[in-house]
Amino acid sequence: MNTTRDWEKPIRRLELLMRLKSFPVAFKLLENKEDMGKIPFIRRMKHKSTLCQLINLVRNFDWTLGADLDDFMSPMCPSIIGLTDIPEYMKDGTFRSIVWTKNRADGKKYENGVPRIPPGKYEALIMAPLVYNPFDPDIVLIYANPAQMMLLINSLQFEDYEVMQFFCVGESSCSDAIARCYLTGKPSLTIPCYGERRYGHAQDDELAMALPSGIIDKALKGMEALYRRGIRYPISYAGAETDIAAQFPAAYSAGNRSAGLNRNPHRLLLGVTGSIGTGKSTVAKMLEELGAPMIDFDVLSRFVVEPGKPAYQDIVSFFGEQVLAEDKTLDREKLREIVFRDMEKRKKLESYTHPRIGEAYSEQVEQLSKEKDQVIIQVVIPLLIETHMQAMFDHLLMVYAPEEVQLKRLMERDHISEELALKIIRSQMSVEEKKGYCDLVVDNSGSLEETRRQVKEVWKKLQEIQKARLENK
């Protein structure tokens, strides 16, 4: 049984980012039990088992297992995953009333509340650690602690947000994860039940989630995006009795940073962004020719690290004189190679430069506002989205080019290897992801004439927006 894709890379990355203790489990139901023989290294138990025992052997012992109806010790487990119907003594509540409910009436309500895959379609199941590419799974089972699960939920909600609903029938928690995921096509989180802890060895701090296999990439993409924003596992403690303002993500203070700049109806602040090699400077120059004065954060970033300035002193103190050229100015190429290979050092550099750039930016905005009664100011910031500066602007313009165009331009412009160029490009948020944040987009992958046509359309729209703001002030 072949896979349609390589599962190893995304699963290994997911394991790393979540710090998982056990393997994500590939879970698949088979319509024909003879198909179990097509799975390499598959094992069959020599005694009757429970479903949670089998899951434990897969996720903790990295076994590849198959089972059909005859391999289970009671109809409870196979009835949940559609291999059989439940017998009458379960349907009428007798079974549950022996231990789990006060009487048969409650037991019947309990049984009716347990989600089950309808019987008749499937004859067997197969499970294996997904990282080994055993087969294309229907769902993926992940066991993790509450903090890890919260990160996974946040990752799934990052794009196309929706509130997630989770359930708990009590005992038979596998129905809440596996069966509910099959029936709804949505991720399903549950608290492992008594049986799963006793027989399946789920630990006291573990939760279980079943995910449709088709959303693994969505989860990983969201987790990568959150990681770049500082949301990671393990979660560091800020301290209950300390001033935690500095520990909050930058977005929480974005409103305060921007309050003094974007409330003037006589000026419109346009944030211009894009990834490296997309042609931000080209588009910005065209807008400038049409009448939009430009503030370029790249220019400001050079200004604030000139010798003698505070940011310069901080950088040399932290990185050492290895990042200086012979004339004692910063060697930006040396510094870039260091920080683009190390995310923590990049963040350290940004902590030195960003506050000083912000001060210089504010001064320029105020100066340009004094020079003209009505002005559209464009502010070119390559990492606008990554540094959570969206709230500082009235509108955002994305200069777009696909990754293959970025790569070619960067290699030609900076005379660097494809490997380094690719690392630089992928150290930033992808152009496809950035597009979702911007209400204006210029595709700069074609001819200059086509780019100029789009820029003129954007300029006309901005003028209309500013006119309407002034009329409604």
Protein backbone atom coordinates (compact mmCIF):
# COMPACT_ATOMS: atom_id res chain seq x y z
CA MET A 1 0.00 0.00 0.00
CA ASN A 2 1.80 3.11 -1.25
CA THR A 3 1.56 6.66 0.09
CA THR A 4 0.65 9.56 -2.16
CA ARG A 5 3.11 11.87 -0.40
CA ASP A 6 6.12 11.90 1.93
CA TRP A 7 4.74 12.23 5.46
CA GLU A 8 8.11 12.15 7.22
CA LYS A 9 9.10 15.81 6.81
CA PRO A 10 5.90 17.45 8.13
CA ILE A 11 5.52 14.93 10.95
CA ARG A 12 9.12 15.29 12.09
CA ARG A 13 8.67 19.07 12.12
CA LEU A 14 5.42 18.75 14.07
CA GLU A 15 7.12 16.44 16.58
CA LEU A 16 9.92 18.97 17.01
CA LEU A 17 7.74 22.06 17.43
CA MET A 18 5.34 20.34 19.85
CA ARG A 19 8.07 18.37 21.67
CA LEU A 20 5.90 15.27 21.47
CA LYS A 21 6.75 12.24 23.62
CA SER A 22 5.02 9.67 21.41
CA PHE A 23 4.55 9.11 17.69
CA PRO A 24 1.59 10.64 15.84
CA VAL A 25 -0.45 7.60 14.80
CA ALA A 26 -1.62 6.96 11.25
CA PHE A 27 -5.10 5.40 11.56
CA LYS A 28 -6.98 3.86 8.65
CA LEU A 29 -10.09 1.71 8.33
CA LEU A 30 -10.15 -0.96 5.60
CA GLU A 31 -13.19 -2.17 3.69
CA ASN A 32 -11.41 -5.48 2.98
CA LYS A 33 -9.47 -7.09 5.81
CA GLU A 34 -7.24 -8.92 3.33
CA ASP A 35 -5.66 -5.55 2.54
CA MET A 36 -3.85 -5.69 5.89
CA GLY A 37 -1.37 -8.02 4.20
CA LYS A 38 -0.25 -5.20 1.89
CA ILE A 39 1.25 -3.21 4.78
CA PRO A 40 5.01 -3.74 5.34
CA PHE A 41 6.08 -4.97 8.80
CA ILE A 42 2.48 -5.32 10.00
CA ARG A 43 1.90 -7.29 13.21
CA ARG A 44 -1.18 -9.07 14.49
CA MET A 45 -1.75 -9.64 18.18
CA LYS A 46 -1.75 -13.26 19.36
CA HIS A 47 -4.41 -12.54 21.98
CA LYS A 48 -7.56 -10.49 22.07
CA SER A 49 -7.00 -6.81 22.88
CA THR A 50 -8.63 -3.44 23.36
CA LEU A 51 -8.30 -0.58 20.90
CA CYS A 52 -6.42 1.57 23.41
CA GLN A 53 -3.84 -1.22 23.90
CA LEU A 54 -3.18 -1.24 20.17
CA ILE A 55 -2.84 2.54 20.01
CA ASN A 56 -0.34 2.42 22.88
CA LEU A 57 1.81 -0.15 21.08
CA VAL A 58 1.89 2.02 17.98
CA ARG A 59 2.57 5.43 19.52
CA ASN A 60 5.02 4.32 22.22
CA PHE A 61 6.61 1.12 20.82
CA ASP A 62 6.50 2.17 17.12
CA TRP A 63 4.74 -1.00 16.02
CA THR A 64 2.69 -1.29 12.86
CA LEU A 65 -0.52 -3.12 13.74
CA GLY A 66 -3.63 -4.48 12.07
CA ALA A 67 -6.81 -5.86 13.61
CA ASP A 68 -10.21 -7.12 12.56
CA LEU A 69 -13.35 -7.90 14.56
CA ASP A 70 -12.00 -11.21 15.90
CA ASP A 71 -8.96 -9.52 17.45
CA PHE A 72 -10.99 -7.55 20.04
CA MET A 73 -11.90 -8.86 23.47
CA SER A 74 -15.42 -7.36 23.43
CA PRO A 75 -17.76 -5.70 20.91
CA MET A 76 -17.32 -2.31 22.59
CA CYS A 77 -14.14 -1.22 20.75
CA PRO A 78 -15.00 -2.52 17.28
CA SER A 79 -18.54 -1.11 17.54
CA ILE A 80 -17.10 2.39 17.92
CA ILE A 81 -14.99 2.14 14.75
CA GLY A 82 -17.68 0.53 12.60
CA LEU A 83 -16.52 -3.10 12.56
CA THR A 84 -19.72 -4.37 14.21
CA ASP A 85 -22.99 -3.29 15.77
CA ILE A 86 -23.41 -3.29 19.56
CA PRO A 87 -25.40 -6.17 21.13
CA GLU A 88 -28.77 -5.67 22.76
CA TYR A 89 -27.46 -5.80 26.34
CA MET A 90 -25.44 -2.68 25.50
CA LYS A 91 -28.21 -0.91 23.64
CA ASP A 92 -30.66 -1.20 26.55
CA GLY A 93 -28.16 0.23 29.06
CA THR A 94 -27.43 -2.98 30.97
CA PHE A 95 -23.70 -2.94 30.25
CA ARG A 96 -23.11 0.68 31.33
CA SER A 97 -25.24 0.31 34.45
CA ILE A 98 -22.94 -2.37 35.84
CA VAL A 99 -20.21 0.22 36.56
CA TRP A 100 -20.73 3.61 35.00
CA THR A 101 -24.33 4.66 35.66
CA LYS A 102 -26.87 4.46 38.45
CA ASN A 103 -29.40 2.45 36.46
CA ARG A 104 -30.20 1.07 33.00
CA ALA A 105 -32.10 4.19 31.99
CA ASP A 106 -28.98 6.28 32.48
CA GLY A 107 -26.92 3.55 30.85
CA LYS A 108 -29.15 3.68 27.77
CA LYS A 109 -28.79 7.47 27.55
CA TYR A 110 -25.03 6.99 27.91
CA GLU A 111 -24.91 4.43 25.10
CA ASN A 112 -27.01 6.60 22.83
CA GLY A 113 -24.61 9.48 23.44
CA VAL A 114 -21.54 7.56 22.26
CA PRO A 115 -20.68 8.47 18.64
CA ARG A 116 -20.05 5.42 16.45
CA ILE A 117 -19.05 4.86 12.86
CA PRO A 118 -21.98 2.98 11.27
CA PRO A 119 -21.25 -0.74 10.80
CA GLY A 120 -21.27 -2.52 7.46
CA LYS A 121 -18.58 -0.68 5.51
CA TYR A 122 -15.32 -1.60 7.23
CA GLU A 123 -13.75 -4.94 8.13
CA ALA A 124 -10.40 -3.97 9.71
CA LEU A 125 -8.12 -1.21 10.87
CA ILE A 126 -4.43 -0.54 10.45
CA MET A 127 -2.21 1.76 12.53
CA ALA A 128 1.44 2.80 12.39
CA PRO A 129 3.69 5.74 13.27
CA LEU A 130 2.95 8.16 10.44
CA VAL A 131 6.56 9.34 10.26
CA TYR A 132 7.49 5.99 8.64
CA ASN A 133 5.20 6.59 5.63
CA PRO A 134 3.30 3.31 6.16
CA PHE A 135 0.14 4.33 4.24
CA ASP A 136 -2.08 7.36 3.68
CA PRO A 137 -4.15 7.60 6.88
CA ASP A 138 -7.78 8.60 7.26
CA ILE A 139 -7.02 10.36 10.53
CA VAL A 140 -3.98 11.09 12.67
CA LEU A 141 -4.00 10.54 16.44
CA ILE A 142 -1.85 12.80 18.60
CA TYR A 143 -1.31 12.46 22.36
CA ALA A 144 0.04 15.50 24.19
CA ASN A 145 -0.30 17.56 27.36
CA PRO A 146 -2.79 20.47 27.64
CA ALA A 147 -0.20 23.14 26.79
CA GLN A 148 0.87 21.28 23.66
CA MET A 149 -2.75 20.74 22.65
CA MET A 150 -3.51 24.44 23.11
CA LEU A 151 -0.66 25.24 20.73
CA LEU A 152 -2.08 22.74 18.22
CA ILE A 153 -5.55 24.29 18.50
CA ASN A 154 -4.10 27.79 18.03
CA SER A 155 -2.26 26.54 14.96
CA LEU A 156 -5.42 25.09 13.42
CA GLN A 157 -7.29 28.32 14.12
CA PHE A 158 -4.57 30.56 12.67
CA GLU A 159 -6.13 30.58 9.20
CA ASP A 160 -9.86 30.26 8.46
CA TYR A 161 -10.63 30.70 12.15
CA GLU A 162 -13.50 28.84 13.73
CA VAL A 163 -14.46 28.06 17.30
CA MET A 164 -13.65 24.44 18.12
CA GLN A 165 -16.12 22.27 19.98
CA PHE A 166 -14.98 19.24 21.91
CA PHE A 167 -16.95 16.58 23.77
CA CYS A 168 -16.62 14.05 26.53
CA VAL A 169 -18.90 11.04 26.76
CA GLY A 170 -16.91 9.81 29.75
CA GLU A 171 -15.75 6.23 29.43
CA SER A 172 -15.11 5.14 25.80
CA SER A 173 -13.21 8.35 25.04
CA CYS A 174 -11.89 6.81 21.82
CA SER A 175 -15.35 7.49 20.39
CA ASP A 176 -14.93 11.20 21.08
CA ALA A 177 -11.62 11.30 19.24
CA ILE A 178 -11.72 8.67 16.49
CA ALA A 179 -15.41 8.19 15.70
CA ARG A 180 -16.31 11.88 16.04
CA CYS A 181 -13.44 12.88 13.77
CA TYR A 182 -14.59 10.36 11.14
CA LEU A 183 -18.19 11.51 11.38
CA THR A 184 -17.60 15.27 11.36
CA GLY A 185 -14.41 15.60 9.33
CA LYS A 186 -13.11 18.01 12.00
CA PRO A 187 -10.37 17.78 14.65
CA SER A 188 -11.67 16.17 17.81
CA LEU A 189 -10.03 16.54 21.21
CA THR A 190 -10.86 14.42 24.21
CA ILE A 191 -9.76 13.51 27.72
CA PRO A 192 -8.54 9.90 27.76
CA CYS A 193 -10.93 7.81 29.85
CA TYR A 194 -10.26 5.47 32.77
CA GLY A 195 -9.92 2.48 30.44
CA GLU A 196 -7.48 4.20 28.14
CA ARG A 197 -5.31 5.12 31.10
CA ARG A 198 -5.49 1.66 32.67
CA TYR A 199 -5.16 -0.46 29.51
CA GLY A 200 -3.74 2.00 26.98
CA HIS A 201 -1.30 3.62 29.42
CA ALA A 202 -2.35 7.20 28.62
CA GLN A 203 -0.59 9.38 31.20
CA ASP A 204 -2.30 11.67 33.71
CA ASP A 205 -1.23 14.80 31.82
CA GLU A 206 -2.19 13.56 28.34
CA LEU A 207 -5.05 14.55 26.08
CA ALA A 208 -5.84 12.91 22.76
CA MET A 209 -6.77 14.54 19.47
CA ALA A 210 -7.81 12.99 16.18
CA LEU A 211 -7.22 15.10 13.09
CA PRO A 212 -8.32 14.43 9.51
CA SER A 213 -5.09 13.71 7.66
CA GLY A 214 -5.84 16.47 5.16
CA ILE A 215 -5.32 19.25 7.72
CA ILE A 216 -1.87 18.21 8.97
CA ASP A 217 -0.26 20.73 6.63
CA LYS A 218 -2.64 23.45 7.87
CA ALA A 219 -1.70 22.67 11.47
CA LEU A 220 2.02 22.77 10.70
CA LYS A 221 1.73 25.98 8.68
CA GLY A 222 -0.10 27.67 11.55
CA MET A 223 2.41 26.38 14.09
CA GLU A 224 5.34 27.66 12.03
CA ALA A 225 3.67 31.08 11.80
CA LEU A 226 3.05 31.20 15.55
CA TYR A 227 6.63 30.10 16.22
CA ARG A 228 7.91 33.09 14.26
CA ARG A 229 5.74 35.30 16.46
CA GLY A 230 7.18 33.84 19.66
CA ILE A 231 4.32 31.43 20.50
CA ARG A 232 6.15 28.19 21.24
CA TYR A 233 6.30 25.12 23.42
CA PRO A 234 7.43 24.89 26.15
CA ILE A 235 5.72 28.05 27.32
CA SER A 236 8.04 30.15 29.46
CA TYR A 237 6.70 31.67 32.67
CA ALA A 238 6.50 35.46 32.87
CA GLY A 239 5.96 35.52 36.65
CA ALA A 240 2.80 36.13 38.65
CA GLU A 241 4.07 39.13 40.62
CA THR A 242 6.19 40.88 38.00
CA ASP A 243 5.42 43.59 35.45
CA ILE A 244 4.62 41.46 32.41
CA ALA A 245 4.06 44.26 29.89
CA ALA A 246 7.38 43.56 28.19
CA GLN A 247 6.55 39.84 27.93
CA PHE A 248 3.39 40.30 25.87
CA PRO A 249 3.55 39.79 22.08
CA ALA A 250 4.18 43.04 20.22
CA ALA A 251 0.65 43.05 18.79
CA TYR A 252 -0.82 43.85 22.23
CA SER A 253 0.94 47.19 22.27
CA ALA A 254 0.48 47.98 18.56
CA GLY A 255 -2.56 50.16 19.24
CA ASN A 256 -0.63 52.28 21.73
CA ARG A 257 2.29 52.64 19.33
CA SER A 258 0.07 53.80 16.49
CA ALA A 259 -2.46 55.95 18.34
CA GLY A 260 -0.59 59.19 17.77
CA LEU A 261 0.01 58.60 14.05
CA ASN A 262 -3.01 57.27 12.21
CA ARG A 263 -5.89 59.37 13.51
CA ASN A 264 -5.32 62.44 11.30
CA PRO A 265 -7.92 62.50 8.47
CA HIS A 266 -5.64 64.79 6.42
CA ARG A 267 -3.04 62.08 6.01
CA LEU A 268 -3.37 58.47 4.93
CA LEU A 269 -0.65 56.08 6.07
CA LEU A 270 -0.01 53.24 3.63
CA GLY A 271 2.14 50.35 4.79
CA VAL A 272 4.02 48.86 1.83
CA THR A 273 5.44 45.39 2.36
CA GLY A 274 6.51 42.26 0.56
CA SER A 275 9.21 39.67 0.92
CA ILE A 276 12.78 40.06 -0.23
CA GLY A 277 13.13 40.10 -4.01
CA THR A 278 9.50 40.97 -4.72
CA GLY A 279 10.32 44.49 -5.92
CA LYS A 280 9.09 46.75 -3.14
CA SER A 281 11.48 49.53 -4.14
CA THR A 282 10.23 49.47 -7.73
CA VAL A 283 6.59 49.83 -6.69
CA ALA A 284 7.42 52.43 -4.04
CA LYS A 285 9.30 54.54 -6.61
CA MET A 286 6.26 54.45 -8.91
CA LEU A 287 3.99 55.57 -6.07
CA GLU A 288 6.43 58.34 -5.20
CA GLU A 289 6.31 59.61 -8.79
CA LEU A 290 2.51 59.74 -8.52
CA GLY A 291 2.70 61.89 -5.39
CA ALA A 292 3.16 59.64 -2.33
CA PRO A 293 6.19 60.69 -0.24
CA MET A 294 8.12 57.67 0.98
CA ILE A 295 9.54 56.63 4.32
CA ASP A 296 11.81 53.62 3.79
CA PHE A 297 12.52 51.53 6.90
CA ASP A 298 15.64 50.12 5.20
CA VAL A 299 17.01 53.66 5.04
CA LEU A 300 16.01 54.26 8.66
CA SER A 301 17.63 50.97 9.68
CA ARG A 302 20.94 52.16 8.22
CA PHE A 303 20.60 55.57 9.81
CA VAL A 304 20.07 54.26 13.37
CA VAL A 305 23.16 51.99 13.27
CA GLU A 306 25.64 54.60 12.12
CA PRO A 307 28.81 54.71 14.29
CA GLY A 308 28.23 56.49 17.56
CA LYS A 309 24.47 55.95 17.64
CA PRO A 310 22.95 53.91 20.55
CA ALA A 311 21.89 50.94 18.39
CA TYR A 312 25.42 50.68 16.96
CA GLN A 313 26.89 50.50 20.46
CA ASP A 314 24.42 47.77 21.51
CA ILE A 315 25.10 45.66 18.39
CA VAL A 316 28.89 45.79 18.73
CA SER A 317 28.64 45.02 22.44
CA PHE A 318 26.54 41.89 21.78
CA PHE A 319 27.94 40.54 18.48
CA GLY A 320 31.53 41.76 18.86
CA GLU A 321 33.80 43.55 16.41
CA GLN A 322 33.52 40.62 13.99
CA VAL A 323 30.49 42.44 12.50
CA LEU A 324 32.48 45.60 11.71
CA ALA A 325 34.13 46.57 8.43
CA GLU A 326 37.65 48.05 8.29
CA ASP A 327 36.25 51.59 8.58
CA LYS A 328 34.39 50.54 11.76
CA THR A 329 30.95 50.75 10.15
CA LEU A 330 28.68 47.72 10.40
CA ASP A 331 29.40 45.01 7.86
CA ARG A 332 25.78 44.29 7.00
CA GLU A 333 26.62 41.17 5.01
CA LYS A 334 28.45 39.58 7.95
CA LEU A 335 25.67 40.52 10.34
CA ARG A 336 23.00 39.23 7.96
CA GLU A 337 24.70 35.84 7.62
CA ILE A 338 24.77 35.50 11.42
CA VAL A 339 21.17 36.47 12.14
CA PHE A 340 19.54 34.70 9.20
CA ARG A 341 20.96 31.41 10.46
CA ASP A 342 19.91 31.97 14.07
CA MET A 343 16.39 33.16 14.93
CA GLU A 344 17.28 34.12 18.51
CA LYS A 345 20.18 36.33 17.40
CA ARG A 346 17.90 37.93 14.82
CA LYS A 347 15.44 38.80 17.55
CA LYS A 348 18.26 40.25 19.63
CA LEU A 349 19.32 42.47 16.74
CA GLU A 350 15.73 43.61 16.22
CA SER A 351 15.47 44.55 19.91
CA TYR A 352 18.33 46.99 19.40
CA THR A 353 17.17 48.52 16.12
CA HIS A 354 13.36 48.51 16.08
CA PRO A 355 12.73 51.01 18.93
CA ARG A 356 15.19 53.50 17.39
CA ILE A 357 13.68 53.04 13.92
CA GLY A 358 10.23 53.70 15.41
CA GLU A 359 11.38 57.01 16.88
CA ALA A 360 12.89 58.16 13.58
CA TYR A 361 9.75 57.09 11.73
CA SER A 362 7.45 59.13 13.96
CA GLU A 363 9.56 62.22 13.42
CA GLN A 364 9.40 61.83 9.62
CA VAL A 365 5.62 61.30 9.59
CA GLU A 366 5.07 64.48 11.56
CA GLN A 367 7.42 66.44 9.29
CA LEU A 368 5.71 65.24 6.07
CA SER A 369 2.28 66.03 7.55
CA LYS A 370 3.33 69.63 8.15
CA GLU A 371 4.55 70.09 4.59
CA LYS A 372 1.23 69.27 2.91
CA ASP A 373 -2.38 69.70 4.00
CA GLN A 374 -3.51 66.42 2.44
CA VAL A 375 -0.94 63.70 2.04
CA ILE A 376 -0.75 59.96 1.35
CA ILE A 377 2.45 58.73 3.00
CA GLN A 378 3.82 55.37 1.94
CA VAL A 379 5.96 53.53 4.47
CA VAL A 380 8.07 50.70 3.05
CA ILE A 381 8.68 47.98 5.65
CA PRO A 382 9.89 44.53 4.49
CA LEU A 383 8.93 42.84 7.80
CA LEU A 384 5.77 44.82 8.48
CA ILE A 385 3.59 41.74 9.10
CA GLU A 386 6.25 39.76 10.98
CA THR A 387 6.80 42.61 13.43
CA HIS A 388 3.05 43.13 13.99
CA MET A 389 2.96 46.73 12.74
CA GLN A 390 -0.36 46.40 10.87
CA ALA A 391 -2.23 48.63 13.33
CA MET A 392 0.06 51.55 12.53
CA PHE A 393 -1.42 51.99 9.05
CA ASP A 394 -4.73 52.81 7.42
CA HIS A 395 -4.13 50.36 4.56
CA LEU A 396 -1.57 47.71 3.65
CA LEU A 397 -0.11 47.17 0.17
CA MET A 398 1.57 43.86 -0.64
CA VAL A 399 4.14 43.77 -3.44
CA TYR A 400 3.92 40.17 -4.63
CA ALA A 401 6.14 37.83 -6.63
CA PRO A 402 6.23 34.01 -6.39
CA GLU A 403 9.13 32.33 -4.61
CA GLU A 404 10.90 31.23 -7.79
CA VAL A 405 11.01 34.86 -8.97
CA GLN A 406 12.27 36.00 -5.55
CA LEU A 407 15.04 33.40 -5.65
CA LYS A 408 16.27 34.40 -9.10
CA ARG A 409 16.25 38.12 -8.30
CA LEU A 410 18.03 37.71 -4.97
CA MET A 411 20.81 35.53 -6.39
CA GLU A 412 21.40 37.99 -9.25
CA ARG A 413 21.21 41.10 -7.07
CA ASP A 414 23.42 39.98 -4.17
CA HIS A 415 25.61 37.46 -6.05
CA ILE A 416 24.91 34.75 -3.47
CA SER A 417 24.37 31.01 -3.70
CA GLU A 418 20.97 29.46 -4.21
CA GLU A 419 21.26 27.81 -0.78
CA LEU A 420 21.82 31.10 1.06
CA ALA A 421 19.19 32.91 -1.01
CA LEU A 422 16.63 30.24 -0.19
CA LYS A 423 17.47 30.40 3.53
CA ILE A 424 17.01 34.17 3.50
CA ILE A 425 13.68 33.94 1.68
CA ARG A 426 12.33 31.21 3.95
CA SER A 427 13.43 32.96 7.12
CA GLN A 428 10.64 35.43 6.37
CA MET A 429 6.92 34.83 6.24
CA SER A 430 5.96 33.43 2.84
CA VAL A 431 4.57 35.78 0.22
CA GLU A 432 1.42 33.68 -0.01
CA GLU A 433 0.78 34.06 3.71
CA LYS A 434 1.45 37.81 3.68
CA LYS A 435 -1.14 38.36 0.95
CA GLY A 436 -3.88 37.44 3.39
CA TYR A 437 -3.07 40.43 5.61
CA CYS A 438 -3.11 43.10 2.90
CA ASP A 439 -6.14 44.80 1.37
CA LEU A 440 -4.12 46.01 -1.64
CA VAL A 441 -1.86 43.81 -3.80
CA VAL A 442 0.43 44.58 -6.74
CA ASP A 443 1.73 41.56 -8.65
CA ASN A 444 5.29 42.48 -9.63
CA SER A 445 6.21 39.22 -11.34
CA GLY A 446 5.47 40.48 -14.86
CA SER A 447 6.60 43.41 -16.98
CA LEU A 448 7.25 46.93 -15.66
CA GLU A 449 4.35 48.18 -17.77
CA GLU A 450 1.95 45.75 -16.10
CA THR A 451 3.26 46.69 -12.64
CA ARG A 452 2.87 50.40 -13.42
CA ARG A 453 -0.72 49.86 -14.54
CA GLN A 454 -1.55 48.17 -11.22
CA VAL A 455 0.20 50.91 -9.23
CA LYS A 456 -1.88 53.59 -10.97
CA GLU A 457 -5.05 51.69 -10.03
CA VAL A 458 -3.91 51.51 -6.42
CA TRP A 459 -3.10 55.24 -6.38
CA LYS A 460 -6.54 56.11 -7.75
CA LYS A 461 -8.18 53.97 -5.08
CA LEU A 462 -6.12 55.58 -2.30
CA GLN A 463 -7.10 59.06 -3.48
CA GLU A 464 -10.77 58.06 -3.42
CA ILE A 465 -10.37 56.68 0.10
CA GLN A 466 -8.72 59.86 1.34
CA LYS A 467 -11.40 62.04 -0.26
CA ALA A 468 -14.16 60.02 1.43
CA ARG A 469 -12.37 60.27 4.80
CA LEU A 470 -12.18 64.05 4.57
CA GLU A 471 -15.84 64.30 3.63
CA ASN A 472 -16.86 62.16 6.60
CA LYS A 473 -14.56 63.68 9.22
